[in-house]
């Protein structure tokens, strides 16, 4: 069976080939809304080293990423776990994942939960 982590040629599937050949094309469905989620670059790097021919074609071949800085107590609160007597203190904060949730800045601002860094807090409702 063909999976995203393996390559099979028709000849190999029919039993007449020596084994799977390297592919010259990779079609990637692992690009998410944040573009680089699901270890996309690591997965494509592995595929290029082990499954694809040199000079392979990739679909999509490129993308542009647009970003803006935002400061949000709401987003910051998502990076902390509730304190538990069974949980060592070093595990109560997570600095690793910069994109724990998809969030739209306009929704955070309209909810009073964020804005550009250093901006005054929104007026109380």
PDB file of N, CA and C in Angstrom:
ATOM      1  N   UNK A   1       0.838  -1.191   0.000  1.00  0.00           N
ATOM      2  CA  UNK A   1       0.000   0.000   0.000  1.00  0.00           C
ATOM      3  C   UNK A   1       0.873   1.241   0.000  1.00  0.00           C
ATOM      4  N   UNK A   2       0.417   2.282  -0.661  1.00  0.00           N
ATOM      5  CA  UNK A   2       1.139   3.554  -0.670  1.00  0.00           C
ATOM      6  C   UNK A   2       0.716   4.370   0.538  1.00  0.00           C
ATOM      7  N   UNK A   3       1.691   4.869   1.263  1.00  0.00           N
ATOM      8  CA  UNK A   3       1.436   5.748   2.397  1.00  0.00           C
ATOM      9  C   UNK A   3       2.271   6.992   2.196  1.00  0.00           C
ATOM     10  N   UNK A   4       2.030   7.988   3.012  1.00  0.00           N
ATOM     11  CA  UNK A   4       2.797   9.223   2.888  1.00  0.00           C
ATOM     12  C   UNK A   4       4.252   9.030   3.284  1.00  0.00           C
ATOM     13  N   UNK A   5       4.574   7.919   3.932  1.00  0.00           N
ATOM     14  CA  UNK A   5       5.953   7.677   4.358  1.00  0.00           C
ATOM     15  C   UNK A   5       6.639   6.610   3.516  1.00  0.00           C
ATOM     16  N   UNK A   6       6.027   6.173   2.429  1.00  0.00           N
ATOM     17  CA  UNK A   6       6.661   5.167   1.585  1.00  0.00           C
ATOM     18  C   UNK A   6       6.348   5.442   0.124  1.00  0.00           C
ATOM     19  N   UNK A   7       7.138   4.819  -0.740  1.00  0.00           N
ATOM     20  CA  UNK A   7       6.942   4.957  -2.179  1.00  0.00           C
ATOM     21  C   UNK A   7       6.869   3.560  -2.763  1.00  0.00           C
ATOM     22  N   UNK A   8       5.911   3.309  -3.611  1.00  0.00           N
ATOM     23  CA  UNK A   8       5.797   2.023  -4.282  1.00  0.00           C
ATOM     24  C   UNK A   8       5.656   2.267  -5.767  1.00  0.00           C
ATOM     25  N   UNK A   9       6.339   1.466  -6.559  1.00  0.00           N
ATOM     26  CA  UNK A   9       6.165   1.558  -8.005  1.00  0.00           C
ATOM     27  C   UNK A   9       5.189   0.469  -8.423  1.00  0.00           C
ATOM     28  N   UNK A  10       4.568   0.629  -9.574  1.00  0.00           N
ATOM     29  CA  UNK A  10       3.617  -0.357 -10.065  1.00  0.00           C
ATOM     30  C   UNK A  10       4.311  -1.704 -10.237  1.00  0.00           C
ATOM     31  N   UNK A  11       5.548  -1.694 -10.762  1.00  0.00           N
ATOM     32  CA  UNK A  11       6.282  -2.948 -10.956  1.00  0.00           C
ATOM     33  C   UNK A  11       6.529  -3.649  -9.625  1.00  0.00           C
ATOM     34  N   UNK A  12       6.896  -2.897  -8.595  1.00  0.00           N
ATOM     35  CA  UNK A  12       7.150  -3.501  -7.287  1.00  0.00           C
ATOM     36  C   UNK A  12       5.862  -4.046  -6.686  1.00  0.00           C
ATOM     37  N   UNK A  13       4.751  -3.331  -6.877  1.00  0.00           N
ATOM     38  CA  UNK A  13       3.475  -3.796  -6.341  1.00  0.00           C
ATOM     39  C   UNK A  13       3.028  -5.087  -7.016  1.00  0.00           C
ATOM     40  N   UNK A  14       3.356  -5.249  -8.304  1.00  0.00           N
ATOM     41  CA  UNK A  14       2.981  -6.458  -9.036  1.00  0.00           C
ATOM     42  C   UNK A  14       3.973  -7.590  -8.804  1.00  0.00           C
ATOM     43  N   UNK A  15       5.050  -7.316  -8.097  1.00  0.00           N
ATOM     44  CA  UNK A  15       6.020  -8.360  -7.794  1.00  0.00           C
ATOM     45  C   UNK A  15       7.105  -8.520  -8.838  1.00  0.00           C
ATOM     46  N   UNK A  16       7.079  -7.756  -9.900  1.00  0.00           N
ATOM     47  CA  UNK A  16       8.068  -7.917 -10.958  1.00  0.00           C
ATOM     48  C   UNK A  16       9.286  -7.035 -10.805  1.00  0.00           C
ATOM     49  N   UNK A  17       9.266  -6.108  -9.876  1.00  0.00           N
ATOM     50  CA  UNK A  17      10.384  -5.175  -9.725  1.00  0.00           C
ATOM     51  C   UNK A  17      11.332  -5.593  -8.622  1.00  0.00           C
ATOM     52  N   UNK A  18      12.457  -4.920  -8.557  1.00  0.00           N
ATOM     53  CA  UNK A  18      13.460  -5.198  -7.528  1.00  0.00           C
ATOM     54  C   UNK A  18      13.078  -4.587  -6.190  1.00  0.00           C
ATOM     55  N   UNK A  19      12.159  -3.692  -6.198  1.00  0.00           N
ATOM     56  CA  UNK A  19      11.781  -2.993  -4.975  1.00  0.00           C
ATOM     57  C   UNK A  19      11.288  -1.618  -5.338  1.00  0.00           C
ATOM     58  N   UNK A  20      10.932  -0.847  -4.335  1.00  0.00           N
ATOM     59  CA  UNK A  20      10.418   0.487  -4.630  1.00  0.00           C
ATOM     60  C   UNK A  20      11.484   1.379  -5.257  1.00  0.00           C
ATOM     61  N   UNK A  21      11.084   2.087  -6.282  1.00  0.00           N
ATOM     62  CA  UNK A  21      11.964   3.059  -6.917  1.00  0.00           C
ATOM     63  C   UNK A  21      11.725   4.418  -6.274  1.00  0.00           C
ATOM     64  N   UNK A  22      12.678   5.310  -6.440  1.00  0.00           N
ATOM     65  CA  UNK A  22      12.507   6.670  -5.925  1.00  0.00           C
ATOM     66  C   UNK A  22      11.556   7.432  -6.848  1.00  0.00           C
ATOM     67  N   UNK A  23      10.753   8.277  -6.261  1.00  0.00           N
ATOM     68  CA  UNK A  23       9.781   9.065  -7.021  1.00  0.00           C
ATOM     69  C   UNK A  23      10.397  10.394  -7.443  1.00  0.00           C
ATOM     70  N   UNK A  24       9.867  10.972  -8.508  1.00  0.00           N
ATOM     71  CA  UNK A  24      10.348  12.277  -8.972  1.00  0.00           C
ATOM     72  C   UNK A  24       9.356  13.387  -8.628  1.00  0.00           C
ATOM     73  N   UNK A  25       8.258  13.034  -7.957  1.00  0.00           N
ATOM     74  CA  UNK A  25       7.218  14.006  -7.622  1.00  0.00           C
ATOM     75  C   UNK A  25       6.714  13.734  -6.212  1.00  0.00           C
ATOM     76  N   UNK A  26       6.558  14.808  -5.434  1.00  0.00           N
ATOM     77  CA  UNK A  26       5.921  14.686  -4.126  1.00  0.00           C
ATOM     78  C   UNK A  26       4.770  15.691  -4.082  1.00  0.00           C
ATOM     79  N   UNK A  27       3.583  15.192  -3.764  1.00  0.00           N
ATOM     80  CA  UNK A  27       2.409  16.043  -3.590  1.00  0.00           C
ATOM     81  C   UNK A  27       2.129  16.054  -2.096  1.00  0.00           C
ATOM     82  N   UNK A  28       2.210  17.229  -1.511  1.00  0.00           N
ATOM     83  CA  UNK A  28       2.149  17.339  -0.061  1.00  0.00           C
ATOM     84  C   UNK A  28       0.804  17.863   0.398  1.00  0.00           C
ATOM     85  N   UNK A  29       0.131  17.071   1.225  1.00  0.00           N
ATOM     86  CA  UNK A  29      -1.109  17.537   1.839  1.00  0.00           C
ATOM     87  C   UNK A  29      -0.877  17.894   3.297  1.00  0.00           C
ATOM     88  N   UNK A  30       0.393  17.868   3.739  1.00  0.00           N
ATOM     89  CA  UNK A  30       0.674  18.129   5.148  1.00  0.00           C
ATOM     90  C   UNK A  30       0.828  19.604   5.464  1.00  0.00           C
ATOM     91  N   UNK A  31       0.678  20.460   4.465  1.00  0.00           N
ATOM     92  CA  UNK A  31       0.753  21.896   4.721  1.00  0.00           C
ATOM     93  C   UNK A  31      -0.570  22.337   5.319  1.00  0.00           C
ATOM     94  N   UNK A  32      -0.529  22.886   6.516  1.00  0.00           N
ATOM     95  CA  UNK A  32      -1.753  23.312   7.181  1.00  0.00           C
ATOM     96  C   UNK A  32      -1.926  24.823   7.068  1.00  0.00           C
ATOM     97  N   UNK A  33      -2.891  25.356   7.763  1.00  0.00           N
ATOM     98  CA  UNK A  33      -3.167  26.793   7.693  1.00  0.00           C
ATOM     99  C   UNK A  33      -1.977  27.625   8.144  1.00  0.00           C
ATOM    100  N   UNK A  34      -1.184  27.091   9.054  1.00  0.00           N
ATOM    101  CA  UNK A  34       0.003  27.809   9.518  1.00  0.00           C
ATOM    102  C   UNK A  34       1.210  27.491   8.641  1.00  0.00           C
ATOM    103  N   UNK A  35       1.034  26.713   7.618  1.00  0.00           N
ATOM    104  CA  UNK A  35       2.009  26.326   6.608  1.00  0.00           C
ATOM    105  C   UNK A  35       3.057  25.347   7.096  1.00  0.00           C
ATOM    106  N   UNK A  36       3.599  25.553   8.263  1.00  0.00           N
ATOM    107  CA  UNK A  36       4.719  24.718   8.688  1.00  0.00           C
ATOM    108  C   UNK A  36       4.371  23.777   9.831  1.00  0.00           C
ATOM    109  N   UNK A  37       3.108  23.476   9.994  1.00  0.00           N
ATOM    110  CA  UNK A  37       2.706  22.575  11.059  1.00  0.00           C
ATOM    111  C   UNK A  37       3.024  21.131  10.728  1.00  0.00           C
ATOM    112  N   UNK A  38       2.758  20.257  11.671  1.00  0.00           N
ATOM    113  CA  UNK A  38       2.913  18.812  11.514  1.00  0.00           C
ATOM    114  C   UNK A  38       4.317  18.411  11.080  1.00  0.00           C
ATOM    115  N   UNK A  39       5.338  19.142  11.524  1.00  0.00           N
ATOM    116  CA  UNK A  39       6.725  18.841  11.156  1.00  0.00           C
ATOM    117  C   UNK A  39       6.906  18.716   9.649  1.00  0.00           C
ATOM    118  N   UNK A  40       6.259  19.596   8.908  1.00  0.00           N
ATOM    119  CA  UNK A  40       6.273  19.556   7.451  1.00  0.00           C
ATOM    120  C   UNK A  40       7.692  19.534   6.888  1.00  0.00           C
ATOM    121  N   UNK A  41       8.555  20.448   7.336  1.00  0.00           N
ATOM    122  CA  UNK A  41       9.907  20.519   6.781  1.00  0.00           C
ATOM    123  C   UNK A  41      10.700  19.258   7.089  1.00  0.00           C
ATOM    124  N   UNK A  42      10.558  18.735   8.296  1.00  0.00           N
ATOM    125  CA  UNK A  42      11.252  17.502   8.677  1.00  0.00           C
ATOM    126  C   UNK A  42      10.785  16.339   7.797  1.00  0.00           C
ATOM    127  N   UNK A  43       9.492  16.258   7.557  1.00  0.00           N
ATOM    128  CA  UNK A  43       8.934  15.188   6.737  1.00  0.00           C
ATOM    129  C   UNK A  43       9.419  15.291   5.301  1.00  0.00           C
ATOM    130  N   UNK A  44       9.388  16.501   4.730  1.00  0.00           N
ATOM    131  CA  UNK A  44       9.847  16.674   3.352  1.00  0.00           C
ATOM    132  C   UNK A  44      11.349  16.431   3.227  1.00  0.00           C
ATOM    133  N   UNK A  45      12.115  16.833   4.227  1.00  0.00           N
ATOM    134  CA  UNK A  45      13.564  16.576   4.210  1.00  0.00           C
ATOM    135  C   UNK A  45      13.823  15.070   4.203  1.00  0.00           C
ATOM    136  N   UNK A  46      13.107  14.329   5.047  1.00  0.00           N
ATOM    137  CA  UNK A  46      13.267  12.872   5.086  1.00  0.00           C
ATOM    138  C   UNK A  46      12.898  12.260   3.738  1.00  0.00           C
ATOM    139  N   UNK A  47      11.785  12.698   3.162  1.00  0.00           N
ATOM    140  CA  UNK A  47      11.363  12.171   1.863  1.00  0.00           C
ATOM    141  C   UNK A  47      12.414  12.446   0.794  1.00  0.00           C
ATOM    142  N   UNK A  48      12.983  13.651   0.790  1.00  0.00           N
ATOM    143  CA  UNK A  48      13.977  13.981  -0.238  1.00  0.00           C
ATOM    144  C   UNK A  48      15.240  13.141  -0.080  1.00  0.00           C
ATOM    145  N   UNK A  49      15.590  12.765   1.130  1.00  0.00           N
ATOM    146  CA  UNK A  49      16.796  11.962   1.363  1.00  0.00           C
ATOM    147  C   UNK A  49      16.583  10.476   1.083  1.00  0.00           C
ATOM    148  N   UNK A  50      15.377   9.979   1.322  1.00  0.00           N
ATOM    149  CA  UNK A  50      15.173   8.533   1.273  1.00  0.00           C
ATOM    150  C   UNK A  50      14.196   8.047   0.208  1.00  0.00           C
ATOM    151  N   UNK A  51      13.337   8.909  -0.296  1.00  0.00           N
ATOM    152  CA  UNK A  51      12.266   8.438  -1.172  1.00  0.00           C
ATOM    153  C   UNK A  51      12.224   9.098  -2.544  1.00  0.00           C
ATOM    154  N   UNK A  52      12.911  10.226  -2.707  1.00  0.00           N
ATOM    155  CA  UNK A  52      12.781  11.006  -3.941  1.00  0.00           C
ATOM    156  C   UNK A  52      14.091  11.064  -4.716  1.00  0.00           C
ATOM    157  N   UNK A  53      13.969  11.257  -6.029  1.00  0.00           N
ATOM    158  CA  UNK A  53      15.155  11.414  -6.875  1.00  0.00           C
ATOM    159  C   UNK A  53      15.706  12.825  -6.728  1.00  0.00           C
ATOM    160  N   UNK A  54      17.004  13.016  -6.998  1.00  0.00           N
ATOM    161  CA  UNK A  54      17.541  14.384  -6.994  1.00  0.00           C
ATOM    162  C   UNK A  54      16.794  15.239  -8.022  1.00  0.00           C
ATOM    163  N   UNK A  55      16.539  16.481  -7.697  1.00  0.00           N
ATOM    164  CA  UNK A  55      15.821  17.379  -8.606  1.00  0.00           C
ATOM    165  C   UNK A  55      14.335  17.083  -8.713  1.00  0.00           C
ATOM    166  N   UNK A  56      13.762  16.447  -7.705  1.00  0.00           N
ATOM    167  CA  UNK A  56      12.337  16.100  -7.725  1.00  0.00           C
ATOM    168  C   UNK A  56      11.464  17.361  -7.804  1.00  0.00           C
ATOM    169  N   UNK A  57      10.226  17.170  -8.216  1.00  0.00           N
ATOM    170  CA  UNK A  57       9.242  18.250  -8.250  1.00  0.00           C
ATOM    171  C   UNK A  57       8.353  18.129  -7.017  1.00  0.00           C
ATOM    172  N   UNK A  58       7.990  19.270  -6.446  1.00  0.00           N
ATOM    173  CA  UNK A  58       7.120  19.283  -5.273  1.00  0.00           C
ATOM    174  C   UNK A  58       5.889  20.130  -5.562  1.00  0.00           C
ATOM    175  N   UNK A  59       4.744  19.659  -5.125  1.00  0.00           N
ATOM    176  CA  UNK A  59       3.493  20.395  -5.246  1.00  0.00           C
ATOM    177  C   UNK A  59       2.899  20.511  -3.850  1.00  0.00           C
ATOM    178  N   UNK A  60       2.725  21.688  -3.314  1.00  0.00           N
ATOM    179  CA  UNK A  60       3.125  22.989  -3.858  1.00  0.00           C
ATOM    180  C   UNK A  60       4.643  23.155  -3.801  1.00  0.00           C
ATOM    181  N   UNK A  61       5.158  23.972  -4.718  1.00  0.00           N
ATOM    182  CA  UNK A  61       6.607  24.171  -4.817  1.00  0.00           C
ATOM    183  C   UNK A  61       7.106  25.281  -3.907  1.00  0.00           C
ATOM    184  N   UNK A  62       6.251  26.220  -3.556  1.00  0.00           N
ATOM    185  CA  UNK A  62       6.672  27.313  -2.681  1.00  0.00           C
ATOM    186  C   UNK A  62       5.443  27.931  -2.031  1.00  0.00           C
ATOM    187  N   UNK A  63       5.712  28.790  -1.076  1.00  0.00           N
ATOM    188  CA  UNK A  63       4.629  29.492  -0.385  1.00  0.00           C
ATOM    189  C   UNK A  63       5.200  30.750   0.245  1.00  0.00           C
ATOM    190  N   UNK A  64       4.333  31.667   0.595  1.00  0.00           N
ATOM    191  CA  UNK A  64       4.735  32.874   1.313  1.00  0.00           C
ATOM    192  C   UNK A  64       4.071  32.865   2.679  1.00  0.00           C
ATOM    193  N   UNK A  65       4.817  33.300   3.670  1.00  0.00           N
ATOM    194  CA  UNK A  65       4.288  33.384   5.030  1.00  0.00           C
ATOM    195  C   UNK A  65       4.247  34.849   5.428  1.00  0.00           C
ATOM    196  N   UNK A  66       3.125  35.307   5.911  1.00  0.00           N
ATOM    197  CA  UNK A  66       2.982  36.666   6.414  1.00  0.00           C
ATOM    198  C   UNK A  66       2.746  36.569   7.914  1.00  0.00           C
ATOM    199  N   UNK A  67       3.376  37.436   8.663  1.00  0.00           N
ATOM    200  CA  UNK A  67       3.249  37.384  10.116  1.00  0.00           C
ATOM    201  C   UNK A  67       3.157  38.786  10.681  1.00  0.00           C
ATOM    202  N   UNK A  68       2.602  38.890  11.863  1.00  0.00           N
ATOM    203  CA  UNK A  68       2.596  40.157  12.578  1.00  0.00           C
ATOM    204  C   UNK A  68       2.735  39.852  14.061  1.00  0.00           C
ATOM    205  N   UNK A  69       3.456  40.706  14.741  1.00  0.00           N
ATOM    206  CA  UNK A  69       3.637  40.533  16.178  1.00  0.00           C
ATOM    207  C   UNK A  69       2.351  40.894  16.908  1.00  0.00           C
ATOM    208  N   UNK A  70       2.057  40.158  17.949  1.00  0.00           N
ATOM    209  CA  UNK A  70       0.882  40.452  18.767  1.00  0.00           C
ATOM    210  C   UNK A  70       1.211  40.140  20.216  1.00  0.00           C
ATOM    211  N   UNK A  71       0.622  40.902  21.091  1.00  0.00           N
ATOM    212  CA  UNK A  71       0.767  40.678  22.524  1.00  0.00           C
ATOM    213  C   UNK A  71      -0.610  40.322  23.054  1.00  0.00           C
ATOM    214  N   UNK A  72      -0.703  39.206  23.767  1.00  0.00           N
ATOM    215  CA  UNK A  72      -2.015  38.774  24.224  1.00  0.00           C
ATOM    216  C   UNK A  72      -1.901  37.965  25.507  1.00  0.00           C
ATOM    217  N   UNK A  73      -2.579  38.422  26.534  1.00  0.00           N
ATOM    218  CA  UNK A  73      -2.637  37.659  27.782  1.00  0.00           C
ATOM    219  C   UNK A  73      -3.361  36.338  27.548  1.00  0.00           C
ATOM    220  N   UNK A  74      -4.337  36.352  26.651  1.00  0.00           N
ATOM    221  CA  UNK A  74      -5.077  35.130  26.333  1.00  0.00           C
ATOM    222  C   UNK A  74      -4.144  34.084  25.748  1.00  0.00           C
ATOM    223  N   UNK A  75      -3.351  34.472  24.738  1.00  0.00           N
ATOM    224  CA  UNK A  75      -2.413  33.523  24.142  1.00  0.00           C
ATOM    225  C   UNK A  75      -1.375  33.062  25.155  1.00  0.00           C
ATOM    226  N   UNK A  76      -0.876  33.975  25.959  1.00  0.00           N
ATOM    227  CA  UNK A  76       0.120  33.612  26.974  1.00  0.00           C
ATOM    228  C   UNK A  76      -0.456  32.607  27.964  1.00  0.00           C
ATOM    229  N   UNK A  77      -1.732  32.746  28.288  1.00  0.00           N
ATOM    230  CA  UNK A  77      -2.334  31.828  29.260  1.00  0.00           C
ATOM    231  C   UNK A  77      -2.435  30.408  28.707  1.00  0.00           C
ATOM    232  N   UNK A  78      -2.460  30.262  27.392  1.00  0.00           N
ATOM    233  CA  UNK A  78      -2.522  28.933  26.799  1.00  0.00           C
ATOM    234  C   UNK A  78      -1.205  28.180  26.963  1.00  0.00           C
ATOM    235  N   UNK A  79      -0.141  28.870  27.293  1.00  0.00           N
ATOM    236  CA  UNK A  79       1.172  28.253  27.419  1.00  0.00           C
ATOM    237  C   UNK A  79       1.469  27.794  28.841  1.00  0.00           C
ATOM    238  N   UNK A  80       0.531  27.875  29.741  1.00  0.00           N
ATOM    239  CA  UNK A  80       0.759  27.471  31.128  1.00  0.00           C
ATOM    240  C   UNK A  80      -0.250  26.415  31.536  1.00  0.00           C
ATOM    241  N   UNK A  81       0.232  25.422  32.253  1.00  0.00           N
ATOM    242  CA  UNK A  81      -0.621  24.350  32.744  1.00  0.00           C
ATOM    243  C   UNK A  81      -1.048  24.643  34.175  1.00  0.00           C
ATOM    244  N   UNK A  82      -2.208  24.175  34.584  1.00  0.00           N
ATOM    245  CA  UNK A  82      -2.611  24.359  35.974  1.00  0.00           C
ATOM    246  C   UNK A  82      -1.606  23.666  36.903  1.00  0.00           C
ATOM    247  N   UNK A  83      -1.376  24.254  38.038  1.00  0.00           N
ATOM    248  CA  UNK A  83      -0.428  23.680  38.996  1.00  0.00           C
ATOM    249  C   UNK A  83      -1.061  22.454  39.633  1.00  0.00           C
ATOM    250  N   UNK A  84      -0.305  21.410  39.712  1.00  0.00           N
ATOM    251  CA  UNK A  84      -0.765  20.166  40.318  1.00  0.00           C
ATOM    252  C   UNK A  84       0.305  19.689  41.289  1.00  0.00           C
ATOM    253  N   UNK A  85      -0.085  19.136  42.428  1.00  0.00           N
ATOM    254  CA  UNK A  85       0.928  18.626  43.354  1.00  0.00           C
ATOM    255  C   UNK A  85       1.738  17.483  42.745  1.00  0.00           C
ATOM    256  N   UNK A  86       1.189  16.825  41.732  1.00  0.00           N
ATOM    257  CA  UNK A  86       1.897  15.715  41.096  1.00  0.00           C
ATOM    258  C   UNK A  86       2.769  16.169  39.933  1.00  0.00           C
ATOM    259  N   UNK A  87       2.630  17.422  39.531  1.00  0.00           N
ATOM    260  CA  UNK A  87       3.344  17.934  38.366  1.00  0.00           C
ATOM    261  C   UNK A  87       4.531  18.773  38.812  1.00  0.00           C
ATOM    262  N   UNK A  88       5.768  18.374  38.473  1.00  0.00           N
ATOM    263  CA  UNK A  88       6.929  19.184  38.845  1.00  0.00           C
ATOM    264  C   UNK A  88       6.821  20.590  38.255  1.00  0.00           C
ATOM    265  N   UNK A  89       7.321  21.575  38.976  1.00  0.00           N
ATOM    266  CA  UNK A  89       7.199  22.983  38.574  1.00  0.00           C
ATOM    267  C   UNK A  89       7.766  23.238  37.185  1.00  0.00           C
ATOM    268  N   UNK A  90       8.825  22.526  36.794  1.00  0.00           N
ATOM    269  CA  UNK A  90       9.430  22.779  35.480  1.00  0.00           C
ATOM    270  C   UNK A  90       8.484  22.442  34.323  1.00  0.00           C
ATOM    271  N   UNK A  91       7.406  21.707  34.598  1.00  0.00           N
ATOM    272  CA  UNK A  91       6.460  21.354  33.554  1.00  0.00           C
ATOM    273  C   UNK A  91       5.237  22.267  33.504  1.00  0.00           C
ATOM    274  N   UNK A  92       5.191  23.306  34.314  1.00  0.00           N
ATOM    275  CA  UNK A  92       3.999  24.158  34.335  1.00  0.00           C
ATOM    276  C   UNK A  92       4.004  25.209  33.244  1.00  0.00           C
ATOM    277  N   UNK A  93       5.126  25.457  32.600  1.00  0.00           N
ATOM    278  CA  UNK A  93       5.186  26.417  31.499  1.00  0.00           C
ATOM    279  C   UNK A  93       5.789  25.735  30.283  1.00  0.00           C
ATOM    280  N   UNK A  94       5.254  26.030  29.137  1.00  0.00           N
ATOM    281  CA  UNK A  94       5.734  25.445  27.892  1.00  0.00           C
ATOM    282  C   UNK A  94       6.169  26.569  26.971  1.00  0.00           C
ATOM    283  N   UNK A  95       7.457  26.673  26.729  1.00  0.00           N
ATOM    284  CA  UNK A  95       7.968  27.703  25.828  1.00  0.00           C
ATOM    285  C   UNK A  95       8.192  27.162  24.423  1.00  0.00           C
ATOM    286  N   UNK A  96       7.866  25.895  24.191  1.00  0.00           N
ATOM    287  CA  UNK A  96       8.259  25.257  22.947  1.00  0.00           C
ATOM    288  C   UNK A  96       7.405  25.554  21.739  1.00  0.00           C
ATOM    289  N   UNK A  97       6.118  25.409  21.823  1.00  0.00           N
ATOM    290  CA  UNK A  97       5.274  25.504  20.642  1.00  0.00           C
ATOM    291  C   UNK A  97       4.782  26.922  20.465  1.00  0.00           C
ATOM    292  N   UNK A  98       5.277  27.601  19.442  1.00  0.00           N
ATOM    293  CA  UNK A  98       4.879  28.977  19.193  1.00  0.00           C
ATOM    294  C   UNK A  98       3.493  29.098  18.594  1.00  0.00           C
ATOM    295  N   UNK A  99       2.892  27.999  18.187  1.00  0.00           N
ATOM    296  CA  UNK A  99       1.575  28.038  17.572  1.00  0.00           C
ATOM    297  C   UNK A  99       0.688  26.965  18.202  1.00  0.00           C
ATOM    298  N   UNK A 100       0.348  27.114  19.491  1.00  0.00           N
ATOM    299  CA  UNK A 100      -0.447  26.071  20.124  1.00  0.00           C
ATOM    300  C   UNK A 100      -1.868  26.001  19.592  1.00  0.00           C
ATOM    301  N   UNK A 101      -2.367  27.088  19.100  1.00  0.00           N
ATOM    302  CA  UNK A 101      -3.732  27.148  18.573  1.00  0.00           C
ATOM    303  C   UNK A 101      -3.745  28.151  17.425  1.00  0.00           C
ATOM    304  N   UNK A 102      -4.625  27.911  16.476  1.00  0.00           N
ATOM    305  CA  UNK A 102      -4.820  28.930  15.450  1.00  0.00           C
ATOM    306  C   UNK A 102      -5.615  30.065  16.077  1.00  0.00           C
ATOM    307  N   UNK A 103      -5.161  31.271  15.905  1.00  0.00           N
ATOM    308  CA  UNK A 103      -5.856  32.428  16.463  1.00  0.00           C
ATOM    309  C   UNK A 103      -5.786  33.568  15.466  1.00  0.00           C
ATOM    310  N   UNK A 104      -6.871  34.231  15.277  1.00  0.00           N
ATOM    311  CA  UNK A 104      -6.911  35.388  14.391  1.00  0.00           C
ATOM    312  C   UNK A 104      -6.795  36.643  15.243  1.00  0.00           C
ATOM    313  N   UNK A 105      -5.845  37.509  14.897  1.00  0.00           N
ATOM    314  CA  UNK A 105      -5.593  38.710  15.690  1.00  0.00           C
ATOM    315  C   UNK A 105      -6.840  39.579  15.793  1.00  0.00           C
ATOM    316  N   UNK A 106      -7.594  39.712  14.704  1.00  0.00           N
ATOM    317  CA  UNK A 106      -8.776  40.569  14.767  1.00  0.00           C
ATOM    318  C   UNK A 106      -9.798  40.039  15.776  1.00  0.00           C
ATOM    319  N   UNK A 107      -9.884  38.722  15.932  1.00  0.00           N
ATOM    320  CA  UNK A 107     -10.807  38.161  16.924  1.00  0.00           C
ATOM    321  C   UNK A 107     -10.311  38.422  18.339  1.00  0.00           C
ATOM    322  N   UNK A 108      -8.990  38.304  18.535  1.00  0.00           N
ATOM    323  CA  UNK A 108      -8.437  38.585  19.865  1.00  0.00           C
ATOM    324  C   UNK A 108      -8.652  40.042  20.246  1.00  0.00           C
ATOM    325  N   UNK A 109      -8.387  40.950  19.303  1.00  0.00           N
ATOM    326  CA  UNK A 109      -8.535  42.380  19.582  1.00  0.00           C
ATOM    327  C   UNK A 109      -9.996  42.710  19.862  1.00  0.00           C
ATOM    328  N   UNK A 110     -10.907  42.199  19.035  1.00  0.00           N
ATOM    329  CA  UNK A 110     -12.324  42.520  19.239  1.00  0.00           C
ATOM    330  C   UNK A 110     -12.847  41.939  20.552  1.00  0.00           C
ATOM    331  N   UNK A 111     -12.229  40.865  21.037  1.00  0.00           N
ATOM    332  CA  UNK A 111     -12.640  40.284  22.316  1.00  0.00           C
ATOM    333  C   UNK A 111     -11.897  40.915  23.484  1.00  0.00           C
ATOM    334  N   UNK A 112     -11.042  41.905  23.199  1.00  0.00           N
ATOM    335  CA  UNK A 112     -10.281  42.566  24.256  1.00  0.00           C
ATOM    336  C   UNK A 112      -9.120  41.730  24.750  1.00  0.00           C
ATOM    337  N   UNK A 113      -8.666  40.774  23.941  1.00  0.00           N
ATOM    338  CA  UNK A 113      -7.630  39.863  24.408  1.00  0.00           C
ATOM    339  C   UNK A 113      -6.266  40.047  23.801  1.00  0.00           C
ATOM    340  N   UNK A 114      -6.020  41.091  23.022  1.00  0.00           N
ATOM    341  CA  UNK A 114      -4.686  41.225  22.446  1.00  0.00           C
ATOM    342  C   UNK A 114      -4.562  42.444  21.573  1.00  0.00           C
ATOM    343  N   UNK A 115      -3.364  42.638  21.058  1.00  0.00           N
ATOM    344  CA  UNK A 115      -3.083  43.755  20.176  1.00  0.00           C
ATOM    345  C   UNK A 115      -1.608  43.807  19.861  1.00  0.00           C
ATOM    346  N   UNK A 116      -1.165  44.833  19.149  1.00  0.00           N
ATOM    347  CA  UNK A 116       0.260  44.962  18.847  1.00  0.00           C
ATOM    348  C   UNK A 116       1.063  45.097  20.135  1.00  0.00           C
ATOM    349  N   UNK A 117       2.318  44.608  20.144  1.00  0.00           N
ATOM    350  CA  UNK A 117       3.135  44.714  21.358  1.00  0.00           C
ATOM    351  C   UNK A 117       3.252  46.154  21.840  1.00  0.00           C
ATOM    352  N   UNK A 118       3.062  46.362  23.132  1.00  0.00           N
ATOM    353  CA  UNK A 118       3.197  47.685  23.729  1.00  0.00           C
ATOM    354  C   UNK A 118       1.987  48.584  23.577  1.00  0.00           C
ATOM    355  N   UNK A 119       0.957  48.121  22.879  1.00  0.00           N
ATOM    356  CA  UNK A 119      -0.247  48.942  22.700  1.00  0.00           C
ATOM    357  C   UNK A 119      -1.000  49.021  24.024  1.00  0.00           C
ATOM    358  N   UNK A 120      -1.674  50.142  24.276  1.00  0.00           N
ATOM    359  CA  UNK A 120      -2.461  50.234  25.512  1.00  0.00           C
ATOM    360  C   UNK A 120      -3.589  49.212  25.487  1.00  0.00           C
ATOM    361  N   UNK A 121      -3.983  48.717  26.642  1.00  0.00           N
ATOM    362  CA  UNK A 121      -5.075  47.744  26.665  1.00  0.00           C
ATOM    363  C   UNK A 121      -6.366  48.382  26.167  1.00  0.00           C
ATOM    364  N   UNK A 122      -7.245  47.575  25.595  1.00  0.00           N
ATOM    365  CA  UNK A 122      -8.511  48.123  25.106  1.00  0.00           C
ATOM    366  C   UNK A 122      -9.362  48.615  26.269  1.00  0.00           C
ATOM    367  N   UNK A 123     -10.259  49.579  26.018  1.00  0.00           N
ATOM    368  CA  UNK A 123     -11.120  50.084  27.093  1.00  0.00           C
ATOM    369  C   UNK A 123     -12.032  48.980  27.618  1.00  0.00           C
ATOM    370  N   UNK A 124     -12.340  49.055  28.897  1.00  0.00           N
ATOM    371  CA  UNK A 124     -13.234  48.067  29.513  1.00  0.00           C
ATOM    372  C   UNK A 124     -14.630  48.230  28.944  1.00  0.00           C
ATOM    373  N   UNK A 125     -15.323  47.151  28.832  1.00  0.00           N
ATOM    374  CA  UNK A 125     -16.685  47.191  28.275  1.00  0.00           C
ATOM    375  C   UNK A 125     -17.704  47.262  29.365  1.00  0.00           C
TER     376      UNK A 125
END
